[in-house]
Amino acid sequence: MSEDDRKPDFGAFDARMARLKAAETGSDGKAGPEGEPKAATHAGLHIGIELVAGVIGGALLGYFLDAWLDTGPLWLIVMLVLGSAAGMLNAHRYIKRLDRERSDKSGTPKAG
């Protein structure tokens, strides 16, 4: 008898699915214990977008300023550096906010 001729065991399948769903979602509907995997993924994506948006925004603004003022790559370089710094500052602020929210939830005051 080949594997294709066997009848599927739906009871075992349902039990596995129930275990997977229980492990996947917490009591609040977020993934994992206390929603950590989804929160970590969201934070990582948010930080990455902040960094990339600052660089791209600065580069585009510098490019168009150079085209408008006919100054060569001067404004492109300046605005690229400023956009990178702005992206890093925004990412830093977001990380600090997440850290503050996490310490507020745990109830332990953070030094500094």
PDB file of N, CA and C in Angstrom:
ATOM      1  N   MET A   1       0.841  -1.167   0.000  1.00  0.00           N
ATOM      2  CA  MET A   1       0.000   0.000   0.000  1.00  0.00           C
ATOM      3  C   MET A   1       0.892   1.237   0.000  1.00  0.00           C
ATOM      4  N   SER A   2       0.678   2.113  -0.942  1.00  0.00           N
ATOM      5  CA  SER A   2       1.502   3.315  -1.020  1.00  0.00           C
ATOM      6  C   SER A   2       0.949   4.394  -0.096  1.00  0.00           C
ATOM      7  N   GLU A   3       1.728   5.474   0.073  1.00  0.00           N
ATOM      8  CA  GLU A   3       1.302   6.566   0.948  1.00  0.00           C
ATOM      9  C   GLU A   3       0.049   7.247   0.438  1.00  0.00           C
ATOM     10  N   ASP A   4      -0.155   7.261  -0.866  1.00  0.00           N
ATOM     11  CA  ASP A   4      -1.311   7.941  -1.439  1.00  0.00           C
ATOM     12  C   ASP A   4      -2.615   7.189  -1.187  1.00  0.00           C
ATOM     13  N   ASP A   5      -2.527   5.866  -0.913  1.00  0.00           N
ATOM     14  CA  ASP A   5      -3.726   5.071  -0.708  1.00  0.00           C
ATOM     15  C   ASP A   5      -4.238   5.146   0.731  1.00  0.00           C
ATOM     16  N   ARG A   6      -3.427   5.668   1.661  1.00  0.00           N
ATOM     17  CA  ARG A   6      -3.855   5.743   3.060  1.00  0.00           C
ATOM     18  C   ARG A   6      -4.841   6.885   3.246  1.00  0.00           C
ATOM     19  N   LYS A   7      -5.752   6.691   4.186  1.00  0.00           N
ATOM     20  CA  LYS A   7      -6.698   7.749   4.521  1.00  0.00           C
ATOM     21  C   LYS A   7      -6.004   8.746   5.456  1.00  0.00           C
ATOM     22  N   PRO A   8      -6.273  10.012   5.273  1.00  0.00           N
ATOM     23  CA  PRO A   8      -5.644  11.007   6.137  1.00  0.00           C
ATOM     24  C   PRO A   8      -6.205  10.935   7.551  1.00  0.00           C
ATOM     25  N   ASP A   9      -5.356  11.189   8.514  1.00  0.00           N
ATOM     26  CA  ASP A   9      -5.733  11.196   9.924  1.00  0.00           C
ATOM     27  C   ASP A   9      -6.037  12.645  10.322  1.00  0.00           C
ATOM     28  N   PHE A  10      -7.302  13.033  10.200  1.00  0.00           N
ATOM     29  CA  PHE A  10      -7.670  14.418  10.480  1.00  0.00           C
ATOM     30  C   PHE A  10      -7.602  14.751  11.959  1.00  0.00           C
ATOM     31  N   GLY A  11      -7.759  13.782  12.813  1.00  0.00           N
ATOM     32  CA  GLY A  11      -7.664  14.029  14.255  1.00  0.00           C
ATOM     33  C   GLY A  11      -6.266  14.489  14.644  1.00  0.00           C
ATOM     34  N   ALA A  12      -5.253  13.802  14.109  1.00  0.00           N
ATOM     35  CA  ALA A  12      -3.870  14.188  14.405  1.00  0.00           C
ATOM     36  C   ALA A  12      -3.556  15.551  13.789  1.00  0.00           C
ATOM     37  N   PHE A  13      -4.098  15.786  12.605  1.00  0.00           N
ATOM     38  CA  PHE A  13      -3.879  17.074  11.952  1.00  0.00           C
ATOM     39  C   PHE A  13      -4.492  18.209  12.773  1.00  0.00           C
ATOM     40  N   ASP A  14      -5.727  18.011  13.233  1.00  0.00           N
ATOM     41  CA  ASP A  14      -6.388  19.028  14.037  1.00  0.00           C
ATOM     42  C   ASP A  14      -5.649  19.274  15.347  1.00  0.00           C
ATOM     43  N   ALA A  15      -5.129  18.215  15.947  1.00  0.00           N
ATOM     44  CA  ALA A  15      -4.376  18.383  17.197  1.00  0.00           C
ATOM     45  C   ALA A  15      -3.097  19.184  16.954  1.00  0.00           C
ATOM     46  N   ARG A  16      -2.419  18.908  15.856  1.00  0.00           N
ATOM     47  CA  ARG A  16      -1.201  19.667  15.532  1.00  0.00           C
ATOM     48  C   ARG A  16      -1.527  21.131  15.260  1.00  0.00           C
ATOM     49  N   MET A  17      -2.604  21.373  14.527  1.00  0.00           N
ATOM     50  CA  MET A  17      -2.995  22.748  14.229  1.00  0.00           C
ATOM     51  C   MET A  17      -3.357  23.512  15.497  1.00  0.00           C
ATOM     52  N   ALA A  18      -4.033  22.831  16.427  1.00  0.00           N
ATOM     53  CA  ALA A  18      -4.396  23.479  17.691  1.00  0.00           C
ATOM     54  C   ALA A  18      -3.144  23.836  18.487  1.00  0.00           C
ATOM     55  N   ARG A  19      -2.153  22.925  18.504  1.00  0.00           N
ATOM     56  CA  ARG A  19      -0.904  23.218  19.217  1.00  0.00           C
ATOM     57  C   ARG A  19      -0.159  24.376  18.564  1.00  0.00           C
ATOM     58  N   LEU A  20      -0.127  24.407  17.225  1.00  0.00           N
ATOM     59  CA  LEU A  20       0.545  25.497  16.521  1.00  0.00           C
ATOM     60  C   LEU A  20      -0.139  26.837  16.788  1.00  0.00           C
ATOM     61  N   LYS A  21      -1.456  26.857  16.750  1.00  0.00           N
ATOM     62  CA  LYS A  21      -2.177  28.105  17.007  1.00  0.00           C
ATOM     63  C   LYS A  21      -1.983  28.569  18.437  1.00  0.00           C
ATOM     64  N   ALA A  22      -1.960  27.636  19.383  1.00  0.00           N
ATOM     65  CA  ALA A  22      -1.758  28.005  20.779  1.00  0.00           C
ATOM     66  C   ALA A  22      -0.350  28.578  20.982  1.00  0.00           C
ATOM     67  N   ALA A  23       0.625  28.019  20.299  1.00  0.00           N
ATOM     68  CA  ALA A  23       2.000  28.523  20.430  1.00  0.00           C
ATOM     69  C   ALA A  23       2.179  29.830  19.683  1.00  0.00           C
ATOM     70  N   GLU A  24       1.420  30.006  18.610  1.00  0.00           N
ATOM     71  CA  GLU A  24       1.571  31.192  17.765  1.00  0.00           C
ATOM     72  C   GLU A  24       0.939  32.424  18.372  1.00  0.00           C
ATOM     73  N   THR A  25      -0.219  32.290  18.978  1.00  0.00           N
ATOM     74  CA  THR A  25      -0.923  33.453  19.510  1.00  0.00           C
ATOM     75  C   THR A  25      -0.995  33.384  21.022  1.00  0.00           C
ATOM     76  N   GLY A  26      -0.811  34.553  21.628  1.00  0.00           N
ATOM     77  CA  GLY A  26      -0.961  34.665  23.067  1.00  0.00           C
ATOM     78  C   GLY A  26      -2.402  34.988  23.404  1.00  0.00           C
ATOM     79  N   SER A  27      -2.633  35.372  24.641  1.00  0.00           N
ATOM     80  CA  SER A  27      -3.997  35.675  25.067  1.00  0.00           C
ATOM     81  C   SER A  27      -4.519  36.955  24.429  1.00  0.00           C
ATOM     82  N   ASP A  28      -3.607  37.871  24.031  1.00  0.00           N
ATOM     83  CA  ASP A  28      -4.040  39.134  23.430  1.00  0.00           C
ATOM     84  C   ASP A  28      -4.095  39.057  21.913  1.00  0.00           C
ATOM     85  N   GLY A  29      -3.839  37.889  21.327  1.00  0.00           N
ATOM     86  CA  GLY A  29      -3.918  37.730  19.887  1.00  0.00           C
ATOM     87  C   GLY A  29      -2.624  38.041  19.167  1.00  0.00           C
ATOM     88  N   LYS A  30      -1.611  38.490  19.885  1.00  0.00           N
ATOM     89  CA  LYS A  30      -0.326  38.765  19.259  1.00  0.00           C
ATOM     90  C   LYS A  30       0.491  37.483  19.226  1.00  0.00           C
ATOM     91  N   ALA A  31       1.476  37.462  18.360  1.00  0.00           N
ATOM     92  CA  ALA A  31       2.275  36.249  18.205  1.00  0.00           C
ATOM     93  C   ALA A  31       3.185  36.051  19.398  1.00  0.00           C
ATOM     94  N   GLY A  32       3.372  34.798  19.752  1.00  0.00           N
ATOM     95  CA  GLY A  32       4.336  34.433  20.765  1.00  0.00           C
ATOM     96  C   GLY A  32       3.952  34.898  22.152  1.00  0.00           C
ATOM     97  N   PRO A  33       4.829  34.615  23.109  1.00  0.00           N
ATOM     98  CA  PRO A  33       4.572  35.071  24.468  1.00  0.00           C
ATOM     99  C   PRO A  33       4.686  36.588  24.530  1.00  0.00           C
ATOM    100  N   GLU A  34       3.605  37.226  24.920  1.00  0.00           N
ATOM    101  CA  GLU A  34       3.517  38.686  25.068  1.00  0.00           C
ATOM    102  C   GLU A  34       3.743  39.415  23.753  1.00  0.00           C
ATOM    103  N   GLY A  35       3.562  38.761  22.622  1.00  0.00           N
ATOM    104  CA  GLY A  35       3.644  39.436  21.335  1.00  0.00           C
ATOM    105  C   GLY A  35       5.041  39.832  20.908  1.00  0.00           C
ATOM    106  N   GLU A  36       6.075  39.232  21.462  1.00  0.00           N
ATOM    107  CA  GLU A  36       7.447  39.648  21.187  1.00  0.00           C
ATOM    108  C   GLU A  36       7.881  39.482  19.732  1.00  0.00           C
ATOM    109  N   PRO A  37       7.640  38.344  19.061  1.00  0.00           N
ATOM    110  CA  PRO A  37       8.129  38.235  17.684  1.00  0.00           C
ATOM    111  C   PRO A  37       7.543  39.279  16.743  1.00  0.00           C
ATOM    112  N   LYS A  38       6.242  39.526  16.832  1.00  0.00           N
ATOM    113  CA  LYS A  38       5.650  40.538  15.959  1.00  0.00           C
ATOM    114  C   LYS A  38       6.156  41.921  16.324  1.00  0.00           C
ATOM    115  N   ALA A  39       6.295  42.203  17.600  1.00  0.00           N
ATOM    116  CA  ALA A  39       6.778  43.515  18.030  1.00  0.00           C
ATOM    117  C   ALA A  39       8.216  43.727  17.582  1.00  0.00           C
ATOM    118  N   ALA A  40       9.030  42.696  17.673  1.00  0.00           N
ATOM    119  CA  ALA A  40      10.427  42.822  17.263  1.00  0.00           C
ATOM    120  C   ALA A  40      10.538  43.006  15.753  1.00  0.00           C
ATOM    121  N   THR A  41       9.715  42.296  15.005  1.00  0.00           N
ATOM    122  CA  THR A  41       9.714  42.451  13.553  1.00  0.00           C
ATOM    123  C   THR A  41       9.255  43.849  13.168  1.00  0.00           C
ATOM    124  N   HIS A  42       8.216  44.320  13.822  1.00  0.00           N
ATOM    125  CA  HIS A  42       7.711  45.665  13.543  1.00  0.00           C
ATOM    126  C   HIS A  42       8.778  46.709  13.870  1.00  0.00           C
ATOM    127  N   ALA A  43       9.441  46.564  14.999  1.00  0.00           N
ATOM    128  CA  ALA A  43      10.469  47.532  15.380  1.00  0.00           C
ATOM    129  C   ALA A  43      11.622  47.515  14.385  1.00  0.00           C
ATOM    130  N   GLY A  44      12.041  46.336  13.965  1.00  0.00           N
ATOM    131  CA  GLY A  44      13.133  46.244  13.002  1.00  0.00           C
ATOM    132  C   GLY A  44      12.788  46.875  11.668  1.00  0.00           C
ATOM    133  N   LEU A  45      11.577  46.624  11.195  1.00  0.00           N
ATOM    134  CA  LEU A  45      11.150  47.234   9.940  1.00  0.00           C
ATOM    135  C   LEU A  45      11.032  48.747  10.070  1.00  0.00           C
ATOM    136  N   HIS A  46      10.503  49.211  11.180  1.00  0.00           N
ATOM    137  CA  HIS A  46      10.339  50.644  11.391  1.00  0.00           C
ATOM    138  C   HIS A  46      11.701  51.348  11.412  1.00  0.00           C
ATOM    139  N   ILE A  47      12.657  50.769  12.101  1.00  0.00           N
ATOM    140  CA  ILE A  47      14.001  51.358  12.175  1.00  0.00           C
ATOM    141  C   ILE A  47      14.660  51.347  10.801  1.00  0.00           C
ATOM    142  N   GLY A  48      14.537  50.255  10.082  1.00  0.00           N
ATOM    143  CA  GLY A  48      15.117  50.184   8.743  1.00  0.00           C
ATOM    144  C   GLY A  48      14.516  51.197   7.794  1.00  0.00           C
ATOM    145  N   ILE A  49      13.209  51.368   7.870  1.00  0.00           N
ATOM    146  CA  ILE A  49      12.548  52.348   7.013  1.00  0.00           C
ATOM    147  C   ILE A  49      12.989  53.756   7.369  1.00  0.00           C
ATOM    148  N   GLU A  50      13.124  54.043   8.663  1.00  0.00           N
ATOM    149  CA  GLU A  50      13.592  55.369   9.088  1.00  0.00           C
ATOM    150  C   GLU A  50      14.974  55.661   8.509  1.00  0.00           C
ATOM    151  N   LEU A  51      15.866  54.697   8.578  1.00  0.00           N
ATOM    152  CA  LEU A  51      17.229  54.900   8.080  1.00  0.00           C
ATOM    153  C   LEU A  51      17.247  55.090   6.568  1.00  0.00           C
ATOM    154  N   VAL A  52      16.552  54.232   5.854  1.00  0.00           N
ATOM    155  CA  VAL A  52      16.547  54.307   4.394  1.00  0.00           C
ATOM    156  C   VAL A  52      15.841  55.571   3.909  1.00  0.00           C
ATOM    157  N   ALA A  53      14.742  55.936   4.561  1.00  0.00           N
ATOM    158  CA  ALA A  53      14.003  57.128   4.146  1.00  0.00           C
ATOM    159  C   ALA A  53      14.844  58.387   4.336  1.00  0.00           C
ATOM    160  N   GLY A  54      15.612  58.458   5.404  1.00  0.00           N
ATOM    161  CA  GLY A  54      16.470  59.622   5.614  1.00  0.00           C
ATOM    162  C   GLY A  54      17.527  59.748   4.533  1.00  0.00           C
ATOM    163  N   VAL A  55      18.154  58.653   4.181  1.00  0.00           N
ATOM    164  CA  VAL A  55      19.191  58.666   3.156  1.00  0.00           C
ATOM    165  C   VAL A  55      18.591  59.023   1.786  1.00  0.00           C
ATOM    166  N   ILE A  56      17.494  58.369   1.430  1.00  0.00           N
ATOM    167  CA  ILE A  56      16.879  58.624   0.121  1.00  0.00           C
ATOM    168  C   ILE A  56      16.329  60.046   0.049  1.00  0.00           C
ATOM    169  N   GLY A  57      15.675  60.482   1.116  1.00  0.00           N
ATOM    170  CA  GLY A  57      15.139  61.840   1.133  1.00  0.00           C
ATOM    171  C   GLY A  57      16.228  62.887   1.012  1.00  0.00           C
ATOM    172  N   GLY A  58      17.312  62.711   1.745  1.00  0.00           N
ATOM    173  CA  GLY A  58      18.428  63.645   1.655  1.00  0.00           C
ATOM    174  C   GLY A  58      19.073  63.633   0.278  1.00  0.00           C
ATOM    175  N   ALA A  59      19.246  62.463  -0.290  1.00  0.00           N
ATOM    176  CA  ALA A  59      19.864  62.360  -1.613  1.00  0.00           C
ATOM    177  C   ALA A  59      18.993  63.011  -2.688  1.00  0.00           C
ATOM    178  N   LEU A  60      17.695  62.769  -2.632  1.00  0.00           N
ATOM    179  CA  LEU A  60      16.804  63.378  -3.620  1.00  0.00           C
ATOM    180  C   LEU A  60      16.764  64.900  -3.491  1.00  0.00           C
ATOM    181  N   LEU A  61      16.669  65.371  -2.261  1.00  0.00           N
ATOM    182  CA  LEU A  61      16.647  66.817  -2.045  1.00  0.00           C
ATOM    183  C   LEU A  61      17.949  67.448  -2.515  1.00  0.00           C
ATOM    184  N   GLY A  62      19.070  66.822  -2.207  1.00  0.00           N
ATOM    185  CA  GLY A  62      20.361  67.332  -2.663  1.00  0.00           C
ATOM    186  C   GLY A  62      20.500  67.312  -4.168  1.00  0.00           C
ATOM    187  N   TYR A  63      20.025  66.260  -4.784  1.00  0.00           N
ATOM    188  CA  TYR A  63      20.088  66.160  -6.243  1.00  0.00           C
ATOM    189  C   TYR A  63      19.303  67.282  -6.911  1.00  0.00           C
ATOM    190  N   PHE A  64      18.081  67.502  -6.424  1.00  0.00           N
ATOM    191  CA  PHE A  64      17.255  68.542  -7.032  1.00  0.00           C
ATOM    192  C   PHE A  64      17.785  69.943  -6.716  1.00  0.00           C
ATOM    193  N   LEU A  65      18.370  70.142  -5.552  1.00  0.00           N
ATOM    194  CA  LEU A  65      18.999  71.433  -5.253  1.00  0.00           C
ATOM    195  C   LEU A  65      20.192  71.678  -6.181  1.00  0.00           C
ATOM    196  N   ASP A  66      20.975  70.637  -6.415  1.00  0.00           N
ATOM    197  CA  ASP A  66      22.110  70.772  -7.340  1.00  0.00           C
ATOM    198  C   ASP A  66      21.642  71.083  -8.755  1.00  0.00           C
ATOM    199  N   ALA A  67      20.576  70.445  -9.180  1.00  0.00           N
ATOM    200  CA  ALA A  67      20.054  70.691 -10.529  1.00  0.00           C
ATOM    201  C   ALA A  67      19.502  72.110 -10.637  1.00  0.00           C
ATOM    202  N   TRP A  68      18.843  72.566  -9.598  1.00  0.00           N
ATOM    203  CA  TRP A  68      18.233  73.894  -9.604  1.00  0.00           C
ATOM    204  C   TRP A  68      19.282  75.003  -9.507  1.00  0.00           C
ATOM    205  N   LEU A  69      20.269  74.807  -8.625  1.00  0.00           N
ATOM    206  CA  LEU A  69      21.285  75.829  -8.400  1.00  0.00           C
ATOM    207  C   LEU A  69      22.532  75.650  -9.260  1.00  0.00           C
ATOM    208  N   ASP A  70      22.620  74.545  -9.989  1.00  0.00           N
ATOM    209  CA  ASP A  70      23.761  74.229 -10.845  1.00  0.00           C
ATOM    210  C   ASP A  70      25.071  74.297 -10.053  1.00  0.00           C
ATOM    211  N   THR A  71      25.121  73.559  -8.954  1.00  0.00           N
ATOM    212  CA  THR A  71      26.284  73.601  -8.062  1.00  0.00           C
ATOM    213  C   THR A  71      27.083  72.307  -8.060  1.00  0.00           C
ATOM    214  N   GLY A  72      26.800  71.409  -8.959  1.00  0.00           N
ATOM    215  CA  GLY A  72      27.548  70.148  -8.965  1.00  0.00           C
ATOM    216  C   GLY A  72      27.085  69.258  -7.826  1.00  0.00           C
ATOM    217  N   PRO A  73      27.949  68.411  -7.309  1.00  0.00           N
ATOM    218  CA  PRO A  73      27.508  67.463  -6.280  1.00  0.00           C
ATOM    219  C   PRO A  73      27.544  68.033  -4.860  1.00  0.00           C
ATOM    220  N   LEU A  74      27.717  69.340  -4.706  1.00  0.00           N
ATOM    221  CA  LEU A  74      27.840  69.933  -3.373  1.00  0.00           C
ATOM    222  C   LEU A  74      26.617  69.650  -2.507  1.00  0.00           C
ATOM    223  N   TRP A  75      25.431  70.031  -2.968  1.00  0.00           N
ATOM    224  CA  TRP A  75      24.230  69.850  -2.161  1.00  0.00           C
ATOM    225  C   TRP A  75      23.841  68.382  -2.028  1.00  0.00           C
ATOM    226  N   LEU A  76      24.177  67.588  -3.015  1.00  0.00           N
ATOM    227  CA  LEU A  76      23.910  66.157  -2.919  1.00  0.00           C
ATOM    228  C   LEU A  76      24.665  65.563  -1.737  1.00  0.00           C
ATOM    229  N   ILE A  77      25.932  65.911  -1.619  1.00  0.00           N
ATOM    230  CA  ILE A  77      26.746  65.381  -0.522  1.00  0.00           C
ATOM    231  C   ILE A  77      26.262  65.910   0.813  1.00  0.00           C
ATOM    232  N   VAL A  78      26.014  67.224   0.891  1.00  0.00           N
ATOM    233  CA  VAL A  78      25.580  67.834   2.146  1.00  0.00           C
ATOM    234  C   VAL A  78      24.244  67.246   2.589  1.00  0.00           C
ATOM    235  N   MET A  79      23.289  67.177   1.694  1.00  0.00           N
ATOM    236  CA  MET A  79      21.962  66.687   2.065  1.00  0.00           C
ATOM    237  C   MET A  79      21.959  65.179   2.312  1.00  0.00           C
ATOM    238  N   LEU A  80      22.843  64.448   1.656  1.00  0.00           N
ATOM    239  CA  LEU A  80      22.972  63.018   1.921  1.00  0.00           C
ATOM    240  C   LEU A  80      23.460  62.794   3.348  1.00  0.00           C
ATOM    241  N   VAL A  81      24.440  63.582   3.764  1.00  0.00           N
ATOM    242  CA  VAL A  81      24.949  63.464   5.137  1.00  0.00           C
ATOM    243  C   VAL A  81      23.867  63.876   6.136  1.00  0.00           C
ATOM    244  N   LEU A  82      23.181  65.001   5.864  1.00  0.00           N
ATOM    245  CA  LEU A  82      22.120  65.452   6.766  1.00  0.00           C
ATOM    246  C   LEU A  82      20.951  64.461   6.807  1.00  0.00           C
ATOM    247  N   GLY A  83      20.600  63.888   5.665  1.00  0.00           N
ATOM    248  CA  GLY A  83      19.529  62.895   5.636  1.00  0.00           C
ATOM    249  C   GLY A  83      19.907  61.632   6.398  1.00  0.00           C
ATOM    250  N   SER A  84      21.157  61.229   6.282  1.00  0.00           N
ATOM    251  CA  SER A  84      21.627  60.062   7.041  1.00  0.00           C
ATOM    252  C   SER A  84      21.572  60.340   8.536  1.00  0.00           C
ATOM    253  N   ALA A  85      22.004  61.530   8.923  1.00  0.00           N
ATOM    254  CA  ALA A  85      21.965  61.895  10.339  1.00  0.00           C
ATOM    255  C   ALA A  85      20.523  61.966  10.846  1.00  0.00           C
ATOM    256  N   ALA A  86      19.632  62.514  10.034  1.00  0.00           N
ATOM    257  CA  ALA A  86      18.229  62.591  10.430  1.00  0.00           C
ATOM    258  C   ALA A  86      17.621  61.199  10.567  1.00  0.00           C
ATOM    259  N   GLY A  87      17.944  60.306   9.659  1.00  0.00           N
ATOM    260  CA  GLY A  87      17.445  58.933   9.753  1.00  0.00           C
ATOM    261  C   GLY A  87      17.946  58.231  11.003  1.00  0.00           C
ATOM    262  N   MET A  88      19.222  58.427  11.325  1.00  0.00           N
ATOM    263  CA  MET A  88      19.773  57.821  12.543  1.00  0.00           C
ATOM    264  C   MET A  88      19.148  58.418  13.796  1.00  0.00           C
ATOM    265  N   LEU A  89      18.916  59.728  13.782  1.00  0.00           N
ATOM    266  CA  LEU A  89      18.284  60.375  14.926  1.00  0.00           C
ATOM    267  C   LEU A  89      16.866  59.860  15.122  1.00  0.00           C
ATOM    268  N   ASN A  90      16.108  59.736  14.049  1.00  0.00           N
ATOM    269  CA  ASN A  90      14.748  59.197  14.145  1.00  0.00           C
ATOM    270  C   ASN A  90      14.751  57.757  14.644  1.00  0.00           C
ATOM    271  N   ALA A  91      15.679  56.948  14.150  1.00  0.00           N
ATOM    272  CA  ALA A  91      15.776  55.559  14.611  1.00  0.00           C
ATOM    273  C   ALA A  91      16.141  55.515  16.093  1.00  0.00           C
ATOM    274  N   HIS A  92      17.052  56.374  16.513  1.00  0.00           N
ATOM    275  CA  HIS A  92      17.453  56.435  17.925  1.00  0.00           C
ATOM    276  C   HIS A  92      16.265  56.830  18.806  1.00  0.00           C
ATOM    277  N   ARG A  93      15.507  57.829  18.366  1.00  0.00           N
ATOM    278  CA  ARG A  93      14.324  58.251  19.131  1.00  0.00           C
ATOM    279  C   ARG A  93      13.308  57.122  19.236  1.00  0.00           C
ATOM    280  N   TYR A  94      13.120  56.373  18.168  1.00  0.00           N
ATOM    281  CA  TYR A  94      12.167  55.269  18.184  1.00  0.00           C
ATOM    282  C   TYR A  94      12.637  54.177  19.146  1.00  0.00           C
ATOM    283  N   ILE A  95      13.910  53.869  19.124  1.00  0.00           N
ATOM    284  CA  ILE A  95      14.446  52.848  20.028  1.00  0.00           C
ATOM    285  C   ILE A  95      14.298  53.283  21.480  1.00  0.00           C
ATOM    286  N   LYS A  96      14.578  54.554  21.763  1.00  0.00           N
ATOM    287  CA  LYS A  96      14.425  55.053  23.128  1.00  0.00           C
ATOM    288  C   LYS A  96      12.962  54.981  23.577  1.00  0.00           C
ATOM    289  N   ARG A  97      12.032  55.303  22.663  1.00  0.00           N
ATOM    290  CA  ARG A  97      10.614  55.233  22.999  1.00  0.00           C
ATOM    291  C   ARG A  97      10.200  53.793  23.293  1.00  0.00           C
ATOM    292  N   LEU A  98      10.672  52.851  22.484  1.00  0.00           N
ATOM    293  CA  LEU A  98      10.362  51.440  22.736  1.00  0.00           C
ATOM    294  C   LEU A  98      10.927  50.982  24.075  1.00  0.00           C
ATOM    295  N   ASP A  99      12.132  51.414  24.375  1.00  0.00           N
ATOM    296  CA  ASP A  99      12.757  51.048  25.639  1.00  0.00           C
ATOM    297  C   ASP A  99      11.968  51.620  26.819  1.00  0.00           C
ATOM    298  N   ARG A 100      11.529  52.868  26.684  1.00  0.00           N
ATOM    299  CA  ARG A 100      10.746  53.503  27.746  1.00  0.00           C
ATOM    300  C   ARG A 100       9.410  52.781  27.923  1.00  0.00           C
ATOM    301  N   GLU A 101       8.740  52.425  26.825  1.00  0.00           N
ATOM    302  CA  GLU A 101       7.467  51.709  26.916  1.00  0.00           C
ATOM    303  C   GLU A 101       7.656  50.327  27.531  1.00  0.00           C
ATOM    304  N   ARG A 102       8.730  49.656  27.178  1.00  0.00           N
ATOM    305  CA  ARG A 102       8.988  48.322  27.726  1.00  0.00           C
ATOM    306  C   ARG A 102       9.266  48.398  29.226  1.00  0.00           C
ATOM    307  N   SER A 103      10.013  49.420  29.662  1.00  0.00           N
ATOM    308  CA  SER A 103      10.289  49.539  31.092  1.00  0.00           C
ATOM    309  C   SER A 103       9.036  49.951  31.856  1.00  0.00           C
ATOM    310  N   ASP A 104       8.140  50.719  31.215  1.00  0.00           N
ATOM    311  CA  ASP A 104       6.876  51.082  31.862  1.00  0.00           C
ATOM    312  C   ASP A 104       5.987  49.855  32.034  1.00  0.00           C
ATOM    313  N   LYS A 105       5.972  48.955  31.068  1.00  0.00           N
ATOM    314  CA  LYS A 105       5.162  47.743  31.150  1.00  0.00           C
ATOM    315  C   LYS A 105       5.676  46.792  32.221  1.00  0.00           C
ATOM    316  N   SER A 106       6.998  46.698  32.324  1.00  0.00           N
ATOM    317  CA  SER A 106       7.561  45.758  33.297  1.00  0.00           C
ATOM    318  C   SER A 106       7.514  46.315  34.703  1.00  0.00           C
ATOM    319  N   GLY A 107       7.375  47.648  34.839  1.00  0.00           N
ATOM    320  CA  GLY A 107       7.271  48.244  36.165  1.00  0.00           C
ATOM    321  C   GLY A 107       8.605  48.497  36.829  1.00  0.00           C
ATOM    322  N   THR A 108       9.680  48.188  36.151  1.00  0.00           N
ATOM    323  CA  THR A 108      10.997  48.444  36.739  1.00  0.00           C
ATOM    324  C   THR A 108      11.553  49.748  36.182  1.00  0.00           C
ATOM    325  N   PRO A 109      11.874  50.692  37.049  1.00  0.00           N
ATOM    326  CA  PRO A 109      12.432  51.946  36.552  1.00  0.00           C
ATOM    327  C   PRO A 109      13.818  51.739  35.991  1.00  0.00           C
ATOM    328  N   LYS A 110      14.105  52.455  34.937  1.00  0.00           N
ATOM    329  CA  LYS A 110      15.395  52.310  34.290  1.00  0.00           C
ATOM    330  C   LYS A 110      16.311  53.441  34.722  1.00  0.00           C
ATOM    331  N   ALA A 111      17.523  53.120  35.072  1.00  0.00           N
ATOM    332  CA  ALA A 111      18.490  54.133  35.493  1.00  0.00           C
ATOM    333  C   ALA A 111      18.964  54.910  34.267  1.00  0.00           C
ATOM    334  N   GLY A 112      19.177  56.194  34.434  1.00  0.00           N
ATOM    335  CA  GLY A 112      19.739  56.994  33.352  1.00  0.00           C
ATOM    336  C   GLY A 112      18.718  57.780  32.730  1.00  0.00           C
TER     337      GLY A 112
END
